């Protein structure tokens, strides 16, 4: 929510010497050199058009997540043209969640908007987001109103993920909502207080709460380059999200184990009764092997589920930094306002 900054005298209805509010755009990038010019040419005039009527200043924070093309050089070129463009260059690829966190940490804005550099997130939505924020919303979430640009398999997988996550997690996330949203400074400060290293930002956005409004948008085709999200990465991303926000998978396997133990106990009673009344004819070897392999497979799956959670504890216990910054471009000497 737009708010008075500390250190300025305010009376009801009037705020004396109120500084200009700042809008920060956070853009995680990985090998986006081919599309960066198109992104900037489209976004900068739009930011000017949105900011000027409301008396806002703006900045763009581009985070290069260890790109292997000319992304860092392209960011530096734009930073020379416009000092409001700032850059953060990682020492290697740390992943989008780390890049997004670094951008939020560097952003000095009263409102911060994460957005993809491939122009699938239409920048025109920023005007509606800012209007909602100035109207009192503390978080404005952009929700896709269709998934026509995705394949049928990807749409099915996405629907299945959101269904499973929202059934398992105590804090559901809106379907078809990604990182494209406006965050008030209060929300950004709350997010930066969360210390975990295996970060699922969609879940964290939902977990912190705050007054939320929604705007819809139609996803565009990628402007340039290739998507970095193959099915393997999407599966790992979904697994990270579920295990980060729910322990129900552990409970499920506990329930399966209890059910199998109960069935085994009842079956043992039946064998005792049958043997006592009718004798004990030799049973088939295939039945025994199927039973042993089935139970062994369930045990290995259960160990795998437990291993996912133990692995997270292992990563958290090492306390390594979430990312390492190689250098910054047009670094802001002032720390973000809390």
C-alpha atoms as a PDB file:
ATOM      1  CA  UNK A   1       0.000   0.000   0.000  1.00  0.00           C
ATOM      2  CA  UNK A   2       1.352   3.472  -0.707  1.00  0.00           C
ATOM      3  CA  UNK A   3       2.606   4.741   2.618  1.00  0.00           C
ATOM      4  CA  UNK A   4       4.436   7.612   4.249  1.00  0.00           C
ATOM      5  CA  UNK A   5       8.139   7.114   4.671  1.00  0.00           C
ATOM      6  CA  UNK A   6       9.718   7.626   8.082  1.00  0.00           C
ATOM      7  CA  UNK A   7      11.292  10.976   8.766  1.00  0.00           C
ATOM      8  CA  UNK A   8       8.665  13.228   7.160  1.00  0.00           C
ATOM      9  CA  UNK A   9       6.156  15.294   9.100  1.00  0.00           C
ATOM     10  CA  UNK A  10       2.572  14.284   8.296  1.00  0.00           C
ATOM     11  CA  UNK A  11      -0.794  15.586   9.394  1.00  0.00           C
ATOM     12  CA  UNK A  12      -4.177  14.042   8.558  1.00  0.00           C
ATOM     13  CA  UNK A  13      -4.842  14.478   4.858  1.00  0.00           C
ATOM     14  CA  UNK A  14      -1.517  16.220   4.195  1.00  0.00           C
ATOM     15  CA  UNK A  15       2.030  14.909   4.067  1.00  0.00           C
ATOM     16  CA  UNK A  16       4.673  17.624   4.034  1.00  0.00           C
ATOM     17  CA  UNK A  17       7.784  17.149   1.894  1.00  0.00           C
ATOM     18  CA  UNK A  18       6.592  13.754   0.670  1.00  0.00           C
ATOM     19  CA  UNK A  19       9.293  12.334  -1.624  1.00  0.00           C
ATOM     20  CA  UNK A  20       8.543  10.952  -5.048  1.00  0.00           C
ATOM     21  CA  UNK A  21       7.440   7.334  -4.926  1.00  0.00           C
ATOM     22  CA  UNK A  22       9.531   4.819  -6.825  1.00  0.00           C
ATOM     23  CA  UNK A  23       8.405   1.901  -9.003  1.00  0.00           C
ATOM     24  CA  UNK A  24      10.953  -0.918  -9.448  1.00  0.00           C
ATOM     25  CA  UNK A  25      10.837  -3.464 -12.253  1.00  0.00           C
ATOM     26  CA  UNK A  26      12.782  -6.677 -11.488  1.00  0.00           C
ATOM     27  CA  UNK A  27      13.747  -8.720 -14.565  1.00  0.00           C
ATOM     28  CA  UNK A  28      15.500 -12.096 -14.065  1.00  0.00           C
ATOM     29  CA  UNK A  29      17.423 -13.041 -17.218  1.00  0.00           C
ATOM     30  CA  UNK A  30      19.217 -16.101 -18.510  1.00  0.00           C
ATOM     31  CA  UNK A  31      20.535 -15.958 -22.082  1.00  0.00           C
ATOM     32  CA  UNK A  32      18.156 -13.170 -23.110  1.00  0.00           C
ATOM     33  CA  UNK A  33      20.587 -11.062 -25.155  1.00  0.00           C
ATOM     34  CA  UNK A  34      18.597 -11.478 -28.384  1.00  0.00           C
ATOM     35  CA  UNK A  35      15.387 -10.164 -26.862  1.00  0.00           C
ATOM     36  CA  UNK A  36      16.655  -7.512 -24.441  1.00  0.00           C
ATOM     37  CA  UNK A  37      16.460  -4.593 -26.884  1.00  0.00           C
ATOM     38  CA  UNK A  38      12.857  -5.425 -27.790  1.00  0.00           C
ATOM     39  CA  UNK A  39      11.991  -5.694 -24.092  1.00  0.00           C
ATOM     40  CA  UNK A  40      13.525  -2.318 -23.221  1.00  0.00           C
ATOM     41  CA  UNK A  41      12.028  -0.533 -26.233  1.00  0.00           C
ATOM     42  CA  UNK A  42       8.593  -1.740 -25.199  1.00  0.00           C
ATOM     43  CA  UNK A  43       8.856  -1.342 -21.427  1.00  0.00           C
ATOM     44  CA  UNK A  44      10.580   2.016 -21.001  1.00  0.00           C
ATOM     45  CA  UNK A  45       7.958   4.128 -22.881  1.00  0.00           C
ATOM     46  CA  UNK A  46       5.229   2.273 -21.018  1.00  0.00           C
ATOM     47  CA  UNK A  47       6.862   3.020 -17.645  1.00  0.00           C
ATOM     48  CA  UNK A  48       7.098   6.674 -18.598  1.00  0.00           C
ATOM     49  CA  UNK A  49       3.411   6.727 -19.551  1.00  0.00           C
ATOM     50  CA  UNK A  50       2.368   5.015 -16.291  1.00  0.00           C
ATOM     51  CA  UNK A  51       4.678   6.931 -13.950  1.00  0.00           C
ATOM     52  CA  UNK A  52       4.211  10.486 -15.165  1.00  0.00           C
ATOM     53  CA  UNK A  53       0.464  10.938 -14.375  1.00  0.00           C
ATOM     54  CA  UNK A  54       0.981   9.618 -10.840  1.00  0.00           C
ATOM     55  CA  UNK A  55       4.208  11.462 -10.121  1.00  0.00           C
ATOM     56  CA  UNK A  56       6.235   8.254  -9.863  1.00  0.00           C
ATOM     57  CA  UNK A  57       9.896   7.611 -10.546  1.00  0.00           C
ATOM     58  CA  UNK A  58      10.970   4.241 -11.909  1.00  0.00           C
ATOM     59  CA  UNK A  59      13.930   1.916 -12.227  1.00  0.00           C
ATOM     60  CA  UNK A  60      14.651  -1.384 -13.988  1.00  0.00           C
ATOM     61  CA  UNK A  61      16.785  -4.001 -12.228  1.00  0.00           C
ATOM     62  CA  UNK A  62      18.008  -6.646 -14.668  1.00  0.00           C
ATOM     63  CA  UNK A  63      19.481  -9.734 -12.990  1.00  0.00           C
ATOM     64  CA  UNK A  64      21.802 -11.791 -15.210  1.00  0.00           C
ATOM     65  CA  UNK A  65      21.601 -15.328 -13.846  1.00  0.00           C
ATOM     66  CA  UNK A  66      24.950 -16.532 -15.159  1.00  0.00           C
ATOM     67  CA  UNK A  67      24.140 -16.173 -18.859  1.00  0.00           C
ATOM     68  CA  UNK A  68      26.521 -17.659 -21.421  1.00  0.00           C
ATOM     69  CA  UNK A  69      25.603 -15.243 -24.203  1.00  0.00           C
ATOM     70  CA  UNK A  70      25.924 -11.456 -24.277  1.00  0.00           C
ATOM     71  CA  UNK A  71      23.186 -10.686 -21.753  1.00  0.00           C
ATOM     72  CA  UNK A  72      25.509  -8.978 -19.254  1.00  0.00           C
ATOM     73  CA  UNK A  73      27.028  -6.788 -21.970  1.00  0.00           C
ATOM     74  CA  UNK A  74      23.563  -5.872 -23.263  1.00  0.00           C
ATOM     75  CA  UNK A  75      22.481  -4.853 -19.753  1.00  0.00           C
ATOM     76  CA  UNK A  76      25.623  -2.723 -19.378  1.00  0.00           C
ATOM     77  CA  UNK A  77      24.898  -1.031 -22.725  1.00  0.00           C
ATOM     78  CA  UNK A  78      21.390  -0.092 -21.642  1.00  0.00           C
ATOM     79  CA  UNK A  79      22.682   1.084 -18.264  1.00  0.00           C
ATOM     80  CA  UNK A  80      24.975   3.508 -20.084  1.00  0.00           C
ATOM     81  CA  UNK A  81      22.019   4.896 -22.038  1.00  0.00           C
ATOM     82  CA  UNK A  82      19.760   5.286 -18.999  1.00  0.00           C
ATOM     83  CA  UNK A  83      20.977   5.466 -15.392  1.00  0.00           C
ATOM     84  CA  UNK A  84      17.598   4.176 -14.253  1.00  0.00           C
ATOM     85  CA  UNK A  85      18.575   0.772 -15.655  1.00  0.00           C
ATOM     86  CA  UNK A  86      20.585  -1.198 -13.106  1.00  0.00           C
ATOM     87  CA  UNK A  87      22.211  -4.585 -13.461  1.00  0.00           C
ATOM     88  CA  UNK A  88      23.190  -7.483 -11.211  1.00  0.00           C
ATOM     89  CA  UNK A  89      25.464 -10.142 -12.698  1.00  0.00           C
ATOM     90  CA  UNK A  90      25.807 -13.508 -10.938  1.00  0.00           C
ATOM     91  CA  UNK A  91      29.049 -15.465 -10.798  1.00  0.00           C
ATOM     92  CA  UNK A  92      27.193 -18.457 -12.308  1.00  0.00           C
ATOM     93  CA  UNK A  93      23.678 -19.729 -12.897  1.00  0.00           C
ATOM     94  CA  UNK A  94      21.834 -20.006  -9.574  1.00  0.00           C
ATOM     95  CA  UNK A  95      18.278 -20.365 -10.917  1.00  0.00           C
ATOM     96  CA  UNK A  96      15.349 -18.038 -11.406  1.00  0.00           C
ATOM     97  CA  UNK A  97      14.226 -18.120  -7.766  1.00  0.00           C
ATOM     98  CA  UNK A  98      17.658 -16.866  -6.664  1.00  0.00           C
ATOM     99  CA  UNK A  99      17.696 -14.211  -9.390  1.00  0.00           C
ATOM    100  CA  UNK A 100      14.255 -13.019  -8.369  1.00  0.00           C
ATOM    101  CA  UNK A 101      15.319 -12.836  -4.719  1.00  0.00           C
ATOM    102  CA  UNK A 102      18.423 -10.830  -5.643  1.00  0.00           C
ATOM    103  CA  UNK A 103      16.282  -8.402  -7.619  1.00  0.00           C
ATOM    104  CA  UNK A 104      13.876  -7.938  -4.730  1.00  0.00           C
ATOM    105  CA  UNK A 105      16.802  -7.330  -2.370  1.00  0.00           C
ATOM    106  CA  UNK A 106      18.274  -4.682  -4.669  1.00  0.00           C
ATOM    107  CA  UNK A 107      14.999  -2.930  -5.495  1.00  0.00           C
ATOM    108  CA  UNK A 108      14.500   0.384  -3.723  1.00  0.00           C
ATOM    109  CA  UNK A 109      10.945   0.957  -4.928  1.00  0.00           C
ATOM    110  CA  UNK A 110       7.806   1.593  -2.930  1.00  0.00           C
ATOM    111  CA  UNK A 111       6.310  -0.965  -5.313  1.00  0.00           C
ATOM    112  CA  UNK A 112       8.217  -3.780  -7.042  1.00  0.00           C
ATOM    113  CA  UNK A 113       7.074  -5.710 -10.124  1.00  0.00           C
ATOM    114  CA  UNK A 114       8.863  -8.928 -11.168  1.00  0.00           C
ATOM    115  CA  UNK A 115       8.449  -9.579 -14.884  1.00  0.00           C
ATOM    116  CA  UNK A 116       9.962 -11.973 -17.447  1.00  0.00           C
ATOM    117  CA  UNK A 117      12.254 -10.621 -20.155  1.00  0.00           C
ATOM    118  CA  UNK A 118      10.741 -12.716 -22.960  1.00  0.00           C
ATOM    119  CA  UNK A 119       7.641 -10.473 -23.229  1.00  0.00           C
ATOM    120  CA  UNK A 120       5.269 -13.342 -22.478  1.00  0.00           C
ATOM    121  CA  UNK A 121       4.200 -11.163 -19.559  1.00  0.00           C
ATOM    122  CA  UNK A 122       2.599  -8.165 -21.322  1.00  0.00           C
ATOM    123  CA  UNK A 123       4.034  -4.933 -19.850  1.00  0.00           C
ATOM    124  CA  UNK A 124       0.707  -3.221 -20.565  1.00  0.00           C
ATOM    125  CA  UNK A 125      -0.633  -4.880 -17.389  1.00  0.00           C
ATOM    126  CA  UNK A 126       1.624  -2.645 -15.318  1.00  0.00           C
ATOM    127  CA  UNK A 127      -0.843   0.248 -15.638  1.00  0.00           C
ATOM    128  CA  UNK A 128      -3.650  -1.795 -14.075  1.00  0.00           C
ATOM    129  CA  UNK A 129      -1.333  -3.059 -11.345  1.00  0.00           C
ATOM    130  CA  UNK A 130      -0.243   0.449 -10.390  1.00  0.00           C
ATOM    131  CA  UNK A 131      -3.852   1.641 -10.351  1.00  0.00           C
ATOM    132  CA  UNK A 132      -4.807  -1.167  -7.953  1.00  0.00           C
ATOM    133  CA  UNK A 133      -1.786  -0.420  -5.764  1.00  0.00           C
ATOM    134  CA  UNK A 134      -2.591   3.295  -5.580  1.00  0.00           C
ATOM    135  CA  UNK A 135      -6.132   2.239  -4.680  1.00  0.00           C
ATOM    136  CA  UNK A 136      -4.909   0.379  -1.598  1.00  0.00           C
ATOM    137  CA  UNK A 137      -3.838  -3.101  -2.708  1.00  0.00           C
ATOM    138  CA  UNK A 138      -0.596  -4.403  -1.180  1.00  0.00           C
ATOM    139  CA  UNK A 139      -0.161  -7.170  -3.746  1.00  0.00           C
ATOM    140  CA  UNK A 140      -1.584  -7.246  -7.268  1.00  0.00           C
ATOM    141  CA  UNK A 141      -1.390 -10.670  -8.919  1.00  0.00           C
ATOM    142  CA  UNK A 142      -1.515 -11.100 -12.700  1.00  0.00           C
ATOM    143  CA  UNK A 143      -3.434 -14.260 -13.618  1.00  0.00           C
ATOM    144  CA  UNK A 144      -3.407 -15.844 -17.066  1.00  0.00           C
ATOM    145  CA  UNK A 145      -6.901 -16.008 -18.505  1.00  0.00           C
ATOM    146  CA  UNK A 146      -5.887 -18.694 -21.006  1.00  0.00           C
ATOM    147  CA  UNK A 147      -2.989 -21.046 -21.743  1.00  0.00           C
ATOM    148  CA  UNK A 148      -3.356 -21.121 -25.530  1.00  0.00           C
ATOM    149  CA  UNK A 149       0.405 -20.709 -26.016  1.00  0.00           C
ATOM    150  CA  UNK A 150       1.120 -23.942 -24.080  1.00  0.00           C
ATOM    151  CA  UNK A 151       0.929 -27.473 -25.415  1.00  0.00           C
ATOM    152  CA  UNK A 152      -1.910 -29.734 -24.298  1.00  0.00           C
ATOM    153  CA  UNK A 153       0.471 -31.791 -22.160  1.00  0.00           C
ATOM    154  CA  UNK A 154       1.833 -28.674 -20.462  1.00  0.00           C
ATOM    155  CA  UNK A 155      -1.682 -27.367 -19.756  1.00  0.00           C
ATOM    156  CA  UNK A 156      -2.674 -30.717 -18.261  1.00  0.00           C
ATOM    157  CA  UNK A 157       0.491 -30.871 -16.146  1.00  0.00           C
ATOM    158  CA  UNK A 158      -0.057 -27.311 -14.927  1.00  0.00           C
ATOM    159  CA  UNK A 159      -3.664 -28.020 -13.914  1.00  0.00           C
ATOM    160  CA  UNK A 160      -2.569 -31.184 -12.123  1.00  0.00           C
ATOM    161  CA  UNK A 161       0.164 -29.323 -10.239  1.00  0.00           C
ATOM    162  CA  UNK A 162      -2.103 -26.529  -9.034  1.00  0.00           C
ATOM    163  CA  UNK A 163      -4.759 -29.061  -7.995  1.00  0.00           C
ATOM    164  CA  UNK A 164      -2.262 -31.183  -6.039  1.00  0.00           C
ATOM    165  CA  UNK A 165      -0.479 -28.206  -4.473  1.00  0.00           C
ATOM    166  CA  UNK A 166      -3.672 -26.539  -3.301  1.00  0.00           C
ATOM    167  CA  UNK A 167      -4.959 -29.816  -1.859  1.00  0.00           C
ATOM    168  CA  UNK A 168      -1.726 -30.472   0.026  1.00  0.00           C
ATOM    169  CA  UNK A 169      -0.657 -26.982   1.091  1.00  0.00           C
ATOM    170  CA  UNK A 170      -2.322 -25.020   3.907  1.00  0.00           C
ATOM    171  CA  UNK A 171      -1.726 -21.839   1.863  1.00  0.00           C
ATOM    172  CA  UNK A 172      -3.160 -22.313  -1.665  1.00  0.00           C
ATOM    173  CA  UNK A 173      -1.864 -20.379  -4.641  1.00  0.00           C
ATOM    174  CA  UNK A 174      -4.113 -18.995  -7.408  1.00  0.00           C
ATOM    175  CA  UNK A 175      -4.030 -21.208 -10.509  1.00  0.00           C
ATOM    176  CA  UNK A 176      -2.297 -19.745 -13.569  1.00  0.00           C
ATOM    177  CA  UNK A 177      -0.541 -17.071 -11.500  1.00  0.00           C
ATOM    178  CA  UNK A 178       3.231 -16.792 -11.703  1.00  0.00           C
ATOM    179  CA  UNK A 179       5.846 -14.304 -10.546  1.00  0.00           C
ATOM    180  CA  UNK A 180       4.307 -11.449 -12.562  1.00  0.00           C
ATOM    181  CA  UNK A 181       2.751  -9.282  -9.864  1.00  0.00           C
ATOM    182  CA  UNK A 182       3.116  -5.981  -8.023  1.00  0.00           C
ATOM    183  CA  UNK A 183       4.486  -6.091  -4.474  1.00  0.00           C
ATOM    184  CA  UNK A 184       4.238  -3.229  -2.022  1.00  0.00           C
ATOM    185  CA  UNK A 185       7.376  -2.390  -0.019  1.00  0.00           C
ATOM    186  CA  UNK A 186       5.791  -4.028   3.057  1.00  0.00           C
ATOM    187  CA  UNK A 187       5.444  -7.286   1.105  1.00  0.00           C
ATOM    188  CA  UNK A 188       9.013  -7.146  -0.230  1.00  0.00           C
ATOM    189  CA  UNK A 189      10.369  -6.561   3.275  1.00  0.00           C
ATOM    190  CA  UNK A 190       8.419  -9.570   4.565  1.00  0.00           C
ATOM    191  CA  UNK A 191       9.695 -11.777   1.726  1.00  0.00           C
ATOM    192  CA  UNK A 192      13.307 -10.795   2.363  1.00  0.00           C
ATOM    193  CA  UNK A 193      12.958 -11.858   5.999  1.00  0.00           C
ATOM    194  CA  UNK A 194      12.326 -15.475   4.938  1.00  0.00           C
ATOM    195  CA  UNK A 195      15.670 -17.301   5.256  1.00  0.00           C
ATOM    196  CA  UNK A 196      15.147 -20.570   3.348  1.00  0.00           C
ATOM    197  CA  UNK A 197      17.448 -21.397   0.459  1.00  0.00           C
ATOM    198  CA  UNK A 198      15.198 -23.811  -1.451  1.00  0.00           C
ATOM    199  CA  UNK A 199      12.775 -21.079  -2.451  1.00  0.00           C
ATOM    200  CA  UNK A 200       9.450 -21.584  -4.196  1.00  0.00           C
ATOM    201  CA  UNK A 201       8.472 -17.977  -4.776  1.00  0.00           C
ATOM    202  CA  UNK A 202       4.871 -18.628  -5.790  1.00  0.00           C
ATOM    203  CA  UNK A 203       4.293 -20.274  -2.438  1.00  0.00           C
ATOM    204  CA  UNK A 204       6.172 -17.568  -0.531  1.00  0.00           C
ATOM    205  CA  UNK A 205       4.078 -14.849  -2.184  1.00  0.00           C
ATOM    206  CA  UNK A 206       0.968 -16.599  -0.912  1.00  0.00           C
ATOM    207  CA  UNK A 207       2.422 -17.385   2.517  1.00  0.00           C
ATOM    208  CA  UNK A 208       3.178 -13.775   3.499  1.00  0.00           C
ATOM    209  CA  UNK A 209      -0.462 -12.760   2.964  1.00  0.00           C
ATOM    210  CA  UNK A 210      -1.358  -9.038   2.706  1.00  0.00           C
ATOM    211  CA  UNK A 211      -4.268  -7.427   0.895  1.00  0.00           C
ATOM    212  CA  UNK A 212      -4.338  -8.909  -2.616  1.00  0.00           C
ATOM    213  CA  UNK A 213      -6.151  -8.007  -5.813  1.00  0.00           C
ATOM    214  CA  UNK A 214      -6.069  -9.754  -9.199  1.00  0.00           C
ATOM    215  CA  UNK A 215      -5.800  -8.654 -12.806  1.00  0.00           C
ATOM    216  CA  UNK A 216      -6.016 -10.942 -15.831  1.00  0.00           C
ATOM    217  CA  UNK A 217      -3.778 -11.071 -18.888  1.00  0.00           C
ATOM    218  CA  UNK A 218      -3.312 -13.101 -22.048  1.00  0.00           C
ATOM    219  CA  UNK A 219       0.104 -14.697 -22.309  1.00  0.00           C
ATOM    220  CA  UNK A 220       2.029 -13.829 -25.472  1.00  0.00           C
ATOM    221  CA  UNK A 221       4.410 -15.956 -27.493  1.00  0.00           C
ATOM    222  CA  UNK A 222       8.061 -15.695 -26.518  1.00  0.00           C
ATOM    223  CA  UNK A 223       9.619 -12.786 -28.449  1.00  0.00           C
ATOM    224  CA  UNK A 224      13.079 -14.323 -28.945  1.00  0.00           C
ATOM    225  CA  UNK A 225      15.205 -17.255 -27.867  1.00  0.00           C
ATOM    226  CA  UNK A 226      14.115 -20.593 -26.447  1.00  0.00           C
ATOM    227  CA  UNK A 227      12.377 -21.408 -23.183  1.00  0.00           C
ATOM    228  CA  UNK A 228      14.642 -22.798 -20.455  1.00  0.00           C
ATOM    229  CA  UNK A 229      11.782 -24.715 -18.829  1.00  0.00           C
ATOM    230  CA  UNK A 230      11.788 -28.261 -20.191  1.00  0.00           C
ATOM    231  CA  UNK A 231       9.595 -30.963 -18.676  1.00  0.00           C
ATOM    232  CA  UNK A 232      12.346 -32.210 -16.382  1.00  0.00           C
ATOM    233  CA  UNK A 233      12.883 -28.755 -14.882  1.00  0.00           C
ATOM    234  CA  UNK A 234       9.139 -28.220 -14.556  1.00  0.00           C
ATOM    235  CA  UNK A 235       8.785 -31.546 -12.725  1.00  0.00           C
ATOM    236  CA  UNK A 236      11.616 -30.666 -10.326  1.00  0.00           C
ATOM    237  CA  UNK A 237      10.096 -27.216  -9.833  1.00  0.00           C
ATOM    238  CA  UNK A 238       6.725 -28.746  -8.956  1.00  0.00           C
ATOM    239  CA  UNK A 239       8.374 -31.224  -6.583  1.00  0.00           C
ATOM    240  CA  UNK A 240      10.252 -28.389  -4.878  1.00  0.00           C
ATOM    241  CA  UNK A 241       7.016 -26.464  -4.448  1.00  0.00           C
ATOM    242  CA  UNK A 242       5.093 -29.335  -2.874  1.00  0.00           C
ATOM    243  CA  UNK A 243       7.870 -30.440  -0.528  1.00  0.00           C
ATOM    244  CA  UNK A 244       8.581 -26.821   0.490  1.00  0.00           C
ATOM    245  CA  UNK A 245       5.056 -26.168   1.696  1.00  0.00           C
ATOM    246  CA  UNK A 246       3.576 -29.478   2.793  1.00  0.00           C
ATOM    247  CA  UNK A 247       4.517 -32.553   4.846  1.00  0.00           C
ATOM    248  CA  UNK A 248       1.399 -34.408   3.715  1.00  0.00           C
ATOM    249  CA  UNK A 249       3.410 -36.684   1.349  1.00  0.00           C
ATOM    250  CA  UNK A 250       5.162 -38.062   4.433  1.00  0.00           C
ATOM    251  CA  UNK A 251       1.804 -38.637   6.103  1.00  0.00           C
ATOM    252  CA  UNK A 252       0.462 -40.328   2.989  1.00  0.00           C
ATOM    253  CA  UNK A 253       3.266 -42.881   3.019  1.00  0.00           C
ATOM    254  CA  UNK A 254       2.768 -43.358   6.732  1.00  0.00           C
ATOM    255  CA  UNK A 255      -0.879 -44.138   6.000  1.00  0.00           C
ATOM    256  CA  UNK A 256       0.087 -46.539   3.200  1.00  0.00           C
ATOM    257  CA  UNK A 257       2.485 -48.327   5.541  1.00  0.00           C
ATOM    258  CA  UNK A 258      -0.180 -48.620   8.229  1.00  0.00           C
ATOM    259  CA  UNK A 259      -2.683 -49.978   5.696  1.00  0.00           C
ATOM    260  CA  UNK A 260      -0.248 -52.598   4.398  1.00  0.00           C
ATOM    261  CA  UNK A 261       0.664 -53.647   7.957  1.00  0.00           C
ATOM    262  CA  UNK A 262      -3.027 -54.027   8.831  1.00  0.00           C
ATOM    263  CA  UNK A 263      -3.643 -56.075   5.688  1.00  0.00           C
ATOM    264  CA  UNK A 264      -0.605 -58.275   6.473  1.00  0.00           C
ATOM    265  CA  UNK A 265      -1.870 -58.864  10.013  1.00  0.00           C
ATOM    266  CA  UNK A 266      -5.332 -59.888   8.791  1.00  0.00           C
ATOM    267  CA  UNK A 267      -3.827 -62.089   6.100  1.00  0.00           C
ATOM    268  CA  UNK A 268      -1.623 -63.785   8.706  1.00  0.00           C
ATOM    269  CA  UNK A 269      -4.722 -64.553  10.790  1.00  0.00           C
ATOM    270  CA  UNK A 270      -6.391 -66.041   7.725  1.00  0.00           C
ATOM    271  CA  UNK A 271      -3.355 -68.254   7.025  1.00  0.00           C
ATOM    272  CA  UNK A 272      -3.351 -69.494  10.629  1.00  0.00           C
ATOM    273  CA  UNK A 273      -7.043 -70.311  10.509  1.00  0.00           C
ATOM    274  CA  UNK A 274      -6.821 -71.952   7.082  1.00  0.00           C
ATOM    275  CA  UNK A 275      -3.800 -74.027   8.063  1.00  0.00           C
ATOM    276  CA  UNK A 276      -5.495 -75.185  11.251  1.00  0.00           C
ATOM    277  CA  UNK A 277      -8.708 -76.205   9.484  1.00  0.00           C
ATOM    278  CA  UNK A 278      -7.550 -77.365   6.051  1.00  0.00           C
ATOM    279  CA  UNK A 279      -3.814 -78.017   6.239  1.00  0.00           C
ATOM    280  CA  UNK A 280      -1.080 -76.088   4.387  1.00  0.00           C
ATOM    281  CA  UNK A 281      -0.777 -76.853   0.679  1.00  0.00           C
ATOM    282  CA  UNK A 282       2.332 -75.386  -0.995  1.00  0.00           C
ATOM    283  CA  UNK A 283       1.627 -71.947  -2.485  1.00  0.00           C
ATOM    284  CA  UNK A 284       3.007 -70.740  -5.806  1.00  0.00           C
ATOM    285  CA  UNK A 285       6.442 -69.132  -5.979  1.00  0.00           C
ATOM    286  CA  UNK A 286       5.296 -66.343  -8.383  1.00  0.00           C
ATOM    287  CA  UNK A 287       2.802 -65.069  -5.793  1.00  0.00           C
ATOM    288  CA  UNK A 288       5.590 -64.823  -3.212  1.00  0.00           C
ATOM    289  CA  UNK A 289       7.901 -62.949  -5.600  1.00  0.00           C
ATOM    290  CA  UNK A 290       5.203 -60.473  -6.652  1.00  0.00           C
ATOM    291  CA  UNK A 291       4.426 -59.740  -3.009  1.00  0.00           C
ATOM    292  CA  UNK A 292       8.089 -59.237  -2.068  1.00  0.00           C
ATOM    293  CA  UNK A 293       8.819 -56.997  -5.057  1.00  0.00           C
ATOM    294  CA  UNK A 294       5.664 -54.955  -4.510  1.00  0.00           C
ATOM    295  CA  UNK A 295       6.448 -54.296  -0.866  1.00  0.00           C
ATOM    296  CA  UNK A 296      10.108 -53.610  -1.685  1.00  0.00           C
ATOM    297  CA  UNK A 297       9.079 -51.063  -4.308  1.00  0.00           C
ATOM    298  CA  UNK A 298       6.777 -49.296  -1.846  1.00  0.00           C
ATOM    299  CA  UNK A 299       9.578 -49.141   0.699  1.00  0.00           C
ATOM    300  CA  UNK A 300      11.977 -47.607  -1.817  1.00  0.00           C
ATOM    301  CA  UNK A 301       9.386 -44.998  -2.829  1.00  0.00           C
ATOM    302  CA  UNK A 302       8.788 -44.169   0.829  1.00  0.00           C
ATOM    303  CA  UNK A 303      12.542 -43.814   1.401  1.00  0.00           C
ATOM    304  CA  UNK A 304      12.703 -41.523  -1.646  1.00  0.00           C
ATOM    305  CA  UNK A 305       9.981 -39.267  -0.239  1.00  0.00           C
ATOM    306  CA  UNK A 306      11.780 -39.090   3.101  1.00  0.00           C
ATOM    307  CA  UNK A 307      15.024 -38.411   1.228  1.00  0.00           C
ATOM    308  CA  UNK A 308      13.499 -35.343  -0.450  1.00  0.00           C
ATOM    309  CA  UNK A 309      12.815 -33.792   2.939  1.00  0.00           C
ATOM    310  CA  UNK A 310      16.173 -34.853   4.399  1.00  0.00           C
ATOM    311  CA  UNK A 311      17.915 -33.346   1.395  1.00  0.00           C
ATOM    312  CA  UNK A 312      16.225 -30.026   2.084  1.00  0.00           C
ATOM    313  CA  UNK A 313      17.355 -30.142   5.710  1.00  0.00           C
ATOM    314  CA  UNK A 314      20.889 -30.887   4.496  1.00  0.00           C
ATOM    315  CA  UNK A 315      20.922 -27.892   2.135  1.00  0.00           C
ATOM    316  CA  UNK A 316      19.504 -25.568   4.771  1.00  0.00           C
ATOM    317  CA  UNK A 317      21.995 -26.722   7.407  1.00  0.00           C
ATOM    318  CA  UNK A 318      24.991 -25.708   5.246  1.00  0.00           C
ATOM    319  CA  UNK A 319      23.859 -22.050   5.325  1.00  0.00           C
ATOM    320  CA  UNK A 320      25.397 -21.266   1.946  1.00  0.00           C
ATOM    321  CA  UNK A 321      24.381 -17.950   0.319  1.00  0.00           C
ATOM    322  CA  UNK A 322      21.481 -18.136  -2.072  1.00  0.00           C
ATOM    323  CA  UNK A 323      23.530 -16.478  -4.822  1.00  0.00           C
ATOM    324  CA  UNK A 324      26.914 -14.805  -5.439  1.00  0.00           C
ATOM    325  CA  UNK A 325      27.081 -11.461  -7.246  1.00  0.00           C
ATOM    326  CA  UNK A 326      30.020 -11.058  -9.624  1.00  0.00           C
ATOM    327  CA  UNK A 327      29.434  -7.342 -10.142  1.00  0.00           C
ATOM    328  CA  UNK A 328      26.716  -4.707 -10.262  1.00  0.00           C
ATOM    329  CA  UNK A 329      25.951  -2.106 -12.905  1.00  0.00           C
ATOM    330  CA  UNK A 330      24.750   1.358 -11.812  1.00  0.00           C
ATOM    331  CA  UNK A 331      24.624   0.074  -8.224  1.00  0.00           C
ATOM    332  CA  UNK A 332      22.373   2.034  -5.905  1.00  0.00           C
ATOM    333  CA  UNK A 333      24.427   3.258  -2.913  1.00  0.00           C
ATOM    334  CA  UNK A 334      21.275   3.534  -0.810  1.00  0.00           C
ATOM    335  CA  UNK A 335      19.931   0.404   0.855  1.00  0.00           C
ATOM    336  CA  UNK A 336      16.274  -0.457   0.172  1.00  0.00           C
ATOM    337  CA  UNK A 337      13.836   1.163   2.560  1.00  0.00           C
ATOM    338  CA  UNK A 338      12.176  -1.171   5.077  1.00  0.00           C
END
